[in-house]
Protein backbone atom coordinates (compact mmCIF):
# COMPACT_ATOMS: atom_id res chain seq x y z
CA MET A 1 -0.09 -0.06 -0.01
CA ALA A 2 2.84 2.50 0.82
CA PHE A 3 4.62 1.71 -2.39
CA ALA A 4 1.40 2.22 -4.43
CA GLY A 5 0.65 5.49 -2.69
CA ALA A 6 4.31 6.78 -3.16
CA ALA A 7 4.20 5.73 -6.83
CA ALA A 8 0.87 7.35 -7.52
CA LEU A 9 2.01 10.66 -5.87
CA LEU A 10 5.24 10.73 -7.97
CA ALA A 11 3.35 9.81 -11.11
CA ALA A 12 1.04 12.80 -10.46
CA LEU A 13 4.03 15.05 -9.90
CA PHE A 14 5.52 13.93 -13.24
CA LEU A 15 2.09 14.51 -14.93
CA ILE A 16 1.76 17.96 -13.54
CA LEU A 17 5.32 18.80 -14.49
CA GLY A 18 4.75 17.65 -18.04
CA LYS A 19 1.78 20.04 -18.45
CA SER A 20 3.59 22.97 -16.67
CA LYS A 21 5.09 25.81 -18.69
CA GLY A 22 6.62 29.15 -18.31
CA ALA A 23 7.17 30.50 -14.84
CA ALA A 24 6.26 27.22 -12.97
CA LEU A 25 8.85 25.27 -14.91
CA LYS A 26 11.47 27.96 -14.49
CA ALA A 27 10.86 27.91 -10.58
CA VAL A 28 11.25 24.08 -10.54
CA ASP A 29 14.48 24.37 -12.53
CA ALA A 30 15.81 27.03 -10.26
CA ALA A 31 15.02 24.72 -7.20
CA ALA A 32 16.73 21.70 -8.85
CA ARG A 33 19.89 23.84 -9.30
CA ALA A 34 20.09 24.82 -5.55
CA PRO A 35 20.43 21.48 -3.51
CA ALA A 36 22.18 23.31 -0.57
CA LEU A 37 19.24 25.76 -0.22
CA LEU A 38 16.73 22.95 -0.27
CA LEU A 39 18.49 20.85 2.19
CA ALA A 40 18.86 23.82 4.48
CA ALA A 41 15.15 24.63 4.16
CA GLY A 42 14.20 21.00 4.84
CA ALA A 43 16.42 21.02 7.99
CA ALA A 44 15.03 24.29 9.30
CA GLY A 45 11.41 23.01 8.76
CA SER A 46 12.26 19.76 10.53
CA LEU A 47 13.76 21.52 13.59
CA LEU A 48 10.68 23.81 13.85
CA TRP A 49 8.40 20.85 13.54
CA ARG A 50 10.32 18.91 16.20
CA PHE A 51 10.20 21.98 18.56
CA SER A 52 6.54 22.27 18.14
CA GLY A 53 6.04 18.65 19.26
CA GLY A 54 4.48 17.59 15.90
CA PRO A 55 4.17 13.84 15.23
CA PHE A 56 6.78 12.01 12.98
CA ALA A 57 5.75 10.40 9.75
CA PRO A 58 5.60 6.41 9.92
CA SER A 59 9.06 4.94 9.02
CA GLU A 60 7.26 2.74 6.43
CA TRP A 61 5.88 5.64 4.48
CA THR A 62 9.13 7.54 4.71
CA ALA A 63 11.05 4.55 3.27
CA ALA A 64 8.47 3.93 0.78
CA GLY A 65 8.61 7.44 -0.47
CA ALA A 66 12.35 7.39 -0.65
CA ASP A 67 12.27 4.14 -2.72
CA ALA A 68 9.82 5.68 -5.08
CA LEU A 69 12.02 8.66 -5.84
CA LEU A 70 15.18 6.55 -5.91
CA ALA A 71 13.45 4.18 -8.35
CA ALA A 72 12.54 7.05 -10.71
CA LEU A 73 16.20 8.48 -10.41
CA ALA A 74 17.73 5.01 -11.09
CA PHE A 75 15.42 4.37 -14.01
CA ALA A 76 16.17 7.68 -15.68
CA ALA A 77 19.94 7.24 -15.01
CA ALA A 78 19.80 3.68 -16.43
CA ALA A 79 18.06 4.89 -19.57
CA GLN A 80 20.85 7.26 -20.44
CA PHE A 81 23.29 4.78 -21.77
CA ARG A 82 23.96 1.59 -23.49
CA ILE A 83 26.05 -0.62 -21.18
CA THR A 84 27.69 -2.51 -24.14
CA ARG A 85 28.85 0.84 -25.71
CA LEU A 86 30.06 2.69 -22.56
CA ALA A 87 33.61 1.87 -22.95
CA SER A 88 33.77 2.98 -26.60
CA VAL A 89 31.48 6.09 -26.27
CA CYS A 90 33.12 7.49 -23.21
CA PRO A 91 36.23 5.72 -21.92
CA ALA A 92 36.64 8.26 -19.05
CA SER A 93 33.17 7.41 -17.70
CA PHE A 94 33.87 3.72 -18.25
CA ARG A 95 37.14 3.92 -16.17
CA LEU A 96 35.37 6.02 -13.38
CA THR A 97 32.58 3.62 -13.22
CA LEU A 98 34.53 0.39 -13.19
CA GLY A 99 37.67 1.55 -11.52
CA GLY A 100 37.24 4.82 -9.54
CA ALA A 101 33.97 3.73 -7.99
CA PRO A 102 34.99 0.48 -6.62
CA LEU A 103 38.20 1.91 -5.28
CA PHE A 104 36.31 4.59 -3.55
CA LEU A 105 34.00 2.06 -2.09
CA ILE A 106 36.93 0.14 -0.58
CA VAL A 107 38.80 3.26 0.67
CA CYS A 108 35.63 4.76 2.08
CA GLY A 109 34.54 1.49 3.80
CA LEU A 110 37.92 0.96 5.51
CA ALA A 111 38.01 4.68 6.52
CA ALA A 112 34.55 4.58 8.00
CA PHE A 113 35.36 1.29 10.02
CA ILE A 114 38.45 3.06 11.42
CA LEU A 115 37.20 6.61 12.13
CA ALA A 116 33.63 5.69 13.24
CA PRO A 117 34.11 2.98 15.97
CA GLN A 118 30.33 2.86 16.29
CA LEU A 119 30.11 1.19 12.84
CA SER A 120 30.72 -2.53 12.49
CA PHE A 121 32.68 -3.73 9.38
CA SER A 122 29.61 -4.59 7.34
CA ALA A 123 27.81 -1.34 8.51
CA ALA A 124 30.89 0.79 7.32
CA PHE A 125 30.78 -0.83 3.96
CA LEU A 126 26.99 -0.30 3.75
CA LEU A 127 27.63 3.34 4.39
CA ALA A 128 30.43 3.37 1.82
CA GLY A 129 27.95 1.85 -0.69
CA ALA A 130 25.42 4.52 -0.05
CA LEU A 131 28.02 7.25 -0.58
CA THR A 132 29.19 5.73 -3.74
CA LEU A 133 25.82 6.38 -5.38
CA ASN A 134 26.67 9.94 -6.46
CA GLY A 135 23.83 12.16 -7.24
CA ALA A 136 25.56 15.18 -8.99
CA ALA A 137 25.05 17.51 -5.92
CA PHE A 138 27.08 20.17 -7.71
CA ASP A 139 25.85 23.51 -8.76
CA ARG A 140 24.58 22.78 -12.21
CA ARG A 141 25.04 26.43 -13.28
CA ALA A 142 28.77 26.34 -12.51
CA VAL A 143 29.27 22.98 -14.37
CA THR A 144 27.27 23.92 -17.44
CA GLY A 145 28.81 27.28 -17.65
CA ALA A 146 32.43 26.04 -17.10
CA PRO A 147 34.89 26.48 -19.92
CA ALA A 148 35.27 22.66 -20.21
CA PRO A 149 34.76 20.82 -23.49
CA GLN A 150 31.16 19.49 -24.02
CA THR A 151 32.52 16.03 -23.97
CA ILE A 152 33.97 16.52 -20.58
CA LYS A 153 30.68 17.75 -19.29
CA ALA A 154 28.85 14.94 -20.89
CA ALA A 155 31.25 12.49 -19.19
CA VAL A 156 30.35 13.88 -15.85
CA ARG A 157 26.72 13.17 -16.54
CA LEU A 158 27.17 9.77 -18.11
CA GLU A 159 29.54 8.56 -15.34
CA SER A 160 27.00 9.74 -12.66
CA ALA A 161 24.23 7.83 -14.43
CA ALA A 162 26.34 4.65 -14.96
CA ILE A 163 27.55 4.55 -11.30
CA LEU A 164 23.95 4.91 -9.96
CA ALA A 165 22.51 2.25 -12.35
CA LEU A 166 25.25 -0.21 -11.88
CA GLY A 167 26.17 0.50 -8.29
CA LEU A 168 22.72 0.30 -6.79
CA PRO A 169 22.55 -3.62 -6.92
CA PHE A 170 25.76 -3.70 -4.92
CA ALA A 171 24.44 -1.28 -2.31
CA VAL A 172 21.42 -3.48 -1.87
CA ILE A 173 23.68 -6.53 -1.45
CA LEU A 174 25.73 -4.63 1.11
CA GLU A 175 22.48 -3.84 2.90
CA SER A 176 21.72 -7.41 3.07
CA ILE A 177 25.16 -8.28 4.56
CA ALA A 178 24.77 -5.67 7.23
CA THR A 179 21.31 -7.03 8.22
CA ALA A 180 20.97 -9.34 11.09
CA ALA A 181 19.32 -12.70 10.37
CA PRO A 182 15.98 -13.48 12.08
CA GLN A 183 16.15 -15.50 15.28
CA ASP A 184 16.98 -19.19 14.76
CA MET A 185 17.80 -18.62 11.07
CA PRO A 186 21.19 -18.95 9.24
CA ALA A 187 23.36 -15.87 9.22
CA VAL A 188 23.22 -15.81 5.47
CA THR A 189 19.45 -15.68 5.24
CA PRO A 190 19.28 -11.86 4.45
CA LEU A 191 21.93 -12.34 1.71
CA PHE A 192 19.88 -15.15 0.31
CA GLU A 193 16.75 -13.16 0.27
CA ALA A 194 18.35 -10.21 -1.24
CA SER A 195 19.77 -12.26 -4.04
CA ARG A 196 16.45 -13.79 -4.80
CA SER A 197 14.75 -10.45 -4.85
CA PHE A 198 17.46 -9.04 -7.02
CA LEU A 199 17.04 -11.84 -9.60
CA ILE A 200 13.21 -11.47 -9.72
CA ALA A 201 13.61 -7.74 -10.06
CA PHE A 202 16.08 -7.96 -12.90
CA ALA A 203 13.94 -10.53 -14.78
CA LEU A 204 10.74 -8.61 -14.34
CA GLY A 205 12.20 -5.16 -15.10
CA GLY A 206 14.35 -6.44 -17.88
CA ALA A 207 11.52 -8.11 -19.51
CA LEU A 208 9.36 -4.99 -19.28
CA GLY A 209 12.07 -2.73 -20.42
CA LEU A 210 12.76 -4.92 -23.46
CA ALA A 211 9.02 -4.89 -24.29
CA ALA A 212 8.94 -1.12 -24.01
CA ALA A 213 11.87 -0.71 -26.30
CA PHE A 214 10.57 -3.34 -28.80
CA TYR A 215 7.20 -1.52 -29.15
CA GLY A 216 8.77 1.91 -28.97
CA ASN A 217 11.12 1.09 -31.93
CA LYS A 218 8.11 0.55 -34.14
CA LEU A 219 7.49 3.35 -36.57
CA LYS A 220 3.93 4.14 -35.32
CA LEU A 221 4.99 4.35 -31.68
CA LYS A 222 8.38 6.07 -31.85
CA LYS A 223 6.88 9.32 -30.66
CA LYS A 224 5.68 7.49 -27.57
CA ALA A 225 9.03 5.87 -26.73
CA ALA A 226 9.50 7.96 -23.55
CA GLU A 227 5.93 7.19 -22.26
CA LEU A 228 6.36 3.42 -22.88
CA ALA A 229 9.72 3.55 -21.12
CA ILE A 230 8.18 5.31 -18.17
CA LEU A 231 5.31 2.96 -17.94
CA SER A 232 7.65 -0.05 -17.92
CA GLY A 233 9.58 1.51 -14.90
CA LEU A 234 6.31 2.23 -13.15
CA VAL A 235 4.79 -1.18 -13.66
CA SER A 236 8.03 -2.88 -12.58
CA PHE A 237 8.31 -0.80 -9.36
CA LEU A 238 4.58 -1.69 -8.49
CA LEU A 239 4.66 -5.34 -9.49
CA ALA A 240 8.15 -6.28 -8.08
CA PRO A 241 7.05 -6.34 -4.34
CA VAL A 242 4.05 -8.65 -5.21
CA LEU A 243 6.45 -11.04 -6.81
CA GLY A 244 8.99 -10.93 -4.14
CA GLY A 245 11.32 -8.53 -6.13
CA HIS A 246 13.20 -5.39 -5.12
CA PRO A 247 11.18 -2.52 -6.47
CA VAL A 248 13.95 -0.04 -7.05
CA LEU A 249 16.13 -2.68 -8.73
CA ALA A 250 13.14 -3.66 -10.96
CA ALA A 251 12.83 -0.01 -12.13
CA ALA A 252 16.49 0.28 -12.71
CA ALA A 253 16.55 -2.98 -14.75
CA ALA A 254 13.66 -1.71 -16.91
CA GLY A 255 15.65 1.46 -17.56
CA LEU A 256 18.89 -0.43 -18.31
CA LEU A 257 17.40 -2.85 -20.70
CA TRP A 258 15.30 -0.18 -22.41
CA GLY A 259 18.39 2.01 -22.66
CA GLU A 260 20.29 -0.86 -24.25
CA GLN A 261 17.71 -1.89 -26.86
CA SER A 262 15.84 1.36 -27.59
CA SER A 263 16.56 3.28 -30.78
CA ALA A 264 15.10 6.29 -29.42
CA LEU A 265 16.85 9.57 -30.24
CA ALA A 266 19.22 11.27 -27.71
CA VAL A 267 16.66 13.86 -27.04
CA THR A 268 14.35 11.31 -25.63
CA ARG A 269 16.90 10.07 -23.06
CA VAL A 270 17.73 13.73 -22.15
CA ARG A 271 14.08 14.29 -21.67
CA LEU A 272 13.83 11.52 -19.17
CA ARG A 273 16.93 12.77 -17.32
CA ARG A 274 15.59 16.39 -17.11
CA MET A 275 12.30 15.03 -15.82
CA ALA A 276 13.94 13.15 -13.00
CA GLU A 277 16.24 16.04 -12.20
CA ARG A 278 13.42 18.46 -12.04
CA VAL A 279 11.00 16.30 -9.94
CA VAL A 280 13.22 13.93 -8.00
CA ALA A 281 16.27 15.95 -7.11
CA PRO A 282 14.41 18.83 -5.27
CA LEU A 283 12.20 16.37 -3.35
CA ALA A 284 15.17 14.34 -2.36
CA TYR A 285 17.15 17.22 -0.93
CA ILE A 286 14.14 18.50 0.86
CA ALA A 287 13.28 14.99 2.36
CA PHE A 288 16.87 14.61 3.27
CA GLY A 289 16.79 17.89 5.08
CA VAL A 290 13.68 16.97 6.95
CA ALA A 291 14.57 13.30 7.79
CA LEU A 292 18.28 13.23 8.35
CA ALA A 293 20.08 16.62 8.13
CA PRO A 294 19.23 17.56 11.91
CA ARG A 295 21.53 14.47 12.87
CA VAL A 296 24.48 16.65 11.78
CA PHE A 297 24.30 18.24 15.33
CA GLN A 298 24.78 14.76 16.83
CA ALA A 299 28.14 14.23 15.10
CA ASP A 300 31.48 13.91 16.96
CA LEU A 301 34.82 15.14 15.82
CA LEU A 302 35.68 11.82 14.15
CA THR A 303 32.47 11.59 12.26
CA ILE A 304 33.14 15.20 10.94
CA LEU A 305 36.69 14.09 9.94
CA PHE A 306 35.47 11.15 8.13
CA ALA A 307 32.74 13.12 6.32
CA ALA A 308 35.14 15.84 5.27
CA ALA A 309 37.74 13.27 3.85
CA ALA A 310 34.95 11.25 2.18
CA VAL A 311 33.76 14.03 0.03
CA THR A 312 37.34 15.48 -0.80
CA ILE A 313 40.45 13.36 -0.60
CA MET A 314 38.92 9.92 -0.47
CA ARG A 315 36.67 10.80 -3.50
CA ALA A 316 39.07 12.78 -5.70
CA GLY A 317 42.04 10.35 -5.20
CA PRO A 318 40.48 7.14 -6.60
CA ARG A 319 38.87 9.17 -9.40
CA LEU A 320 42.32 10.57 -10.44
CA ALA A 321 43.78 7.18 -10.20
CA ALA A 322 41.17 5.83 -12.59
CA LEU A 323 41.82 8.61 -15.06
CA LYS A 324 45.57 8.47 -14.89
CA LYS A 325 46.13 6.19 -17.91
CA THR A 326 43.62 8.20 -20.14
CA SER A 327 44.70 10.60 -22.84
CA LEU A 328 42.80 13.39 -21.22
CA PRO A 329 44.69 16.58 -20.39
CA ARG A 330 45.61 17.01 -16.73
CA GLU A 331 43.05 19.92 -16.23
CA SER A 332 40.26 17.84 -17.74
CA GLN A 333 41.25 14.91 -15.37
CA MET A 334 41.02 17.35 -12.26
CA PHE A 335 37.59 18.72 -13.67
CA LEU A 336 36.25 15.09 -13.82
CA ALA A 337 37.80 14.15 -10.54
CA TRP A 338 35.92 17.07 -8.59
CA PHE A 339 32.80 17.64 -10.55
CA GLY A 340 31.52 14.19 -10.26
CA GLY A 341 31.29 11.37 -7.76
CA ALA A 342 29.96 13.51 -4.95
CA PRO A 343 27.15 12.00 -2.58
CA GLY A 344 23.96 13.79 -3.55
CA ALA A 345 20.28 12.94 -4.37
CA ALA A 346 20.86 9.06 -4.81
CA SER A 347 22.94 8.77 -1.47
CA ALA A 348 20.25 10.78 0.29
CA LEU A 349 17.43 8.67 -0.87
CA PHE A 350 19.25 5.42 -0.23
CA LEU A 351 19.85 6.47 3.28
CA ILE A 352 16.33 7.39 3.89
CA SER A 353 15.15 4.11 2.52
CA LEU A 354 17.01 2.53 5.47
CA PHE A 355 14.49 4.00 7.88
CA ASP A 356 12.22 0.86 7.66
CA ALA A 357 15.08 -1.58 8.21
CA PRO A 358 15.62 -1.82 11.95
CA SER A 359 17.49 -5.27 11.69
CA ILE A 360 20.38 -3.50 10.06
CA VAL A 361 23.39 -3.57 12.39
CA ALA A 362 24.20 0.04 13.82
CA GLN A 363 21.36 1.48 11.73
CA ASP A 364 21.27 4.69 13.70
CA ALA A 365 25.09 5.20 13.44
CA ILE A 366 24.82 4.65 9.62
CA LEU A 367 22.12 7.29 9.39
CA THR A 368 24.04 9.83 11.42
CA VAL A 369 27.39 9.44 9.71
CA GLY A 370 25.72 9.23 6.38
CA ALA A 371 23.74 12.45 7.09
CA VAL A 372 26.90 14.37 8.02
CA ALA A 373 28.70 12.98 4.90
CA VAL A 374 26.00 13.88 2.37
CA THR A 375 25.53 17.32 4.05
CA PHE A 376 29.22 18.06 3.70
CA GLY A 377 29.18 16.80 0.15
CA VAL A 378 26.35 19.15 -0.84
CA PHE A 379 27.67 22.22 0.90
CA ALA A 380 31.31 21.50 -0.13
CA ALA A 381 30.23 21.26 -3.78
CA ARG A 382 28.30 24.63 -3.58
CA LEU A 383 31.14 26.44 -1.91
CA THR A 384 33.91 25.26 -4.09
CA SER A 385 32.47 24.88 -7.55
CA ARG A 386 33.00 28.43 -8.66
CA PRO A 387 36.48 28.87 -7.36
CA LEU A 388 37.46 25.55 -8.86
CA VAL A 389 35.95 26.41 -12.22
CA LYS A 390 38.16 29.69 -12.23
CA LEU A 391 41.09 27.49 -11.44
CA PHE A 392 40.21 25.11 -14.40
CA LEU A 393 39.95 28.06 -16.67
CA LYS A 394 43.47 29.33 -15.70
CA GLN A 395 44.94 25.70 -16.09
CA SER A 396 43.28 25.45 -19.60
CA ALA A 397 44.70 28.73 -20.65
CA LEU A 398 48.17 27.83 -19.50
CA ALA A 399 47.94 24.44 -21.31
CA LYS A 400 47.03 26.22 -24.65
CA ARG A 401 49.96 28.61 -24.23
CA ARG A 402 52.34 25.76 -23.63
CA ALA A 403 51.00 24.07 -26.73
CA ARG A 404 51.49 27.03 -28.84
CA PHE A 405 55.07 27.51 -27.76
CA ALA A 406 55.67 23.91 -28.29
CA ASP A 407 54.65 24.25 -31.88
């Protein structure tokens, strides 16, 4: 019931946005470009509500709403690329997805286990898995207006989409590993159940995504390709829990298979991405501000140290290592290393979805440390984006001068 209600509400928001024009659409776009402001507004509203003694929303509904938003974000991300062509279309994104992201996961998990003693080993890696799901928390205006080549900007978007679509199953598996087994049941029971729900979700979502791509490729239905794709993701999300599958993974699988097989124009994929950014991202940051941002005041010094390192050194280091052997100029590598990979909307929604999972070991600690890390990521991105863009401009100019002198 909670999933159906959340999905219906989200579908209504998409429908309203699709019909909106002019000032309303500009206001939504402006909100989507200001994650730090939305997070702060949500946190302020949450604190006022707490001081007034208002009742909290049921954890089941909170988690269901986060799952619905995360499913929409994962579906739109998976629909952006063809997995079999990722390496040839954008080698930098391929390296960051299959090299930089796993390396960050390992480094972040070990650092969380060392710096946050309240986290168990499995809980630390679950937190790292959540933070790996970057959500492009950066100021869009700074990135889109940066003097970087369009191919580099496209690589930031493509890598963000690929890491979310392909990293989400690993985050779900890490969640099962960090979950305590029911009484008198084997310790591997949660992992077995998660693997089973993963397979059901992929089979269901993949089949519906393939069907949407098949019919969308037909000449008479090509104009409805986006609508068919969205329908496959929505049905996958709603039907998966009935069959025992993971709803978010089902929606992601529908987007992944649709993106692989669809012959839709690039503008269709961009349309899906923009719809998700306009609707999901603002709601995600507001919800995170309401549900988790106030936990920042519970953080100790070690938690703050971990959060600061997770969104700076631990993030940029693995990304630079993954890009080291590429032919990209040094300044382009620095741009990709910083303007991507930050925890954002996807990380926020995944953490909120853990509200309804009390059997997770050290659940409260995961939420607190994760809240601090995501908050640091959003505000660090907002405060450093413009100075770093100026630095990138200077480095690019120097590189061009050196190239002219070399000639």
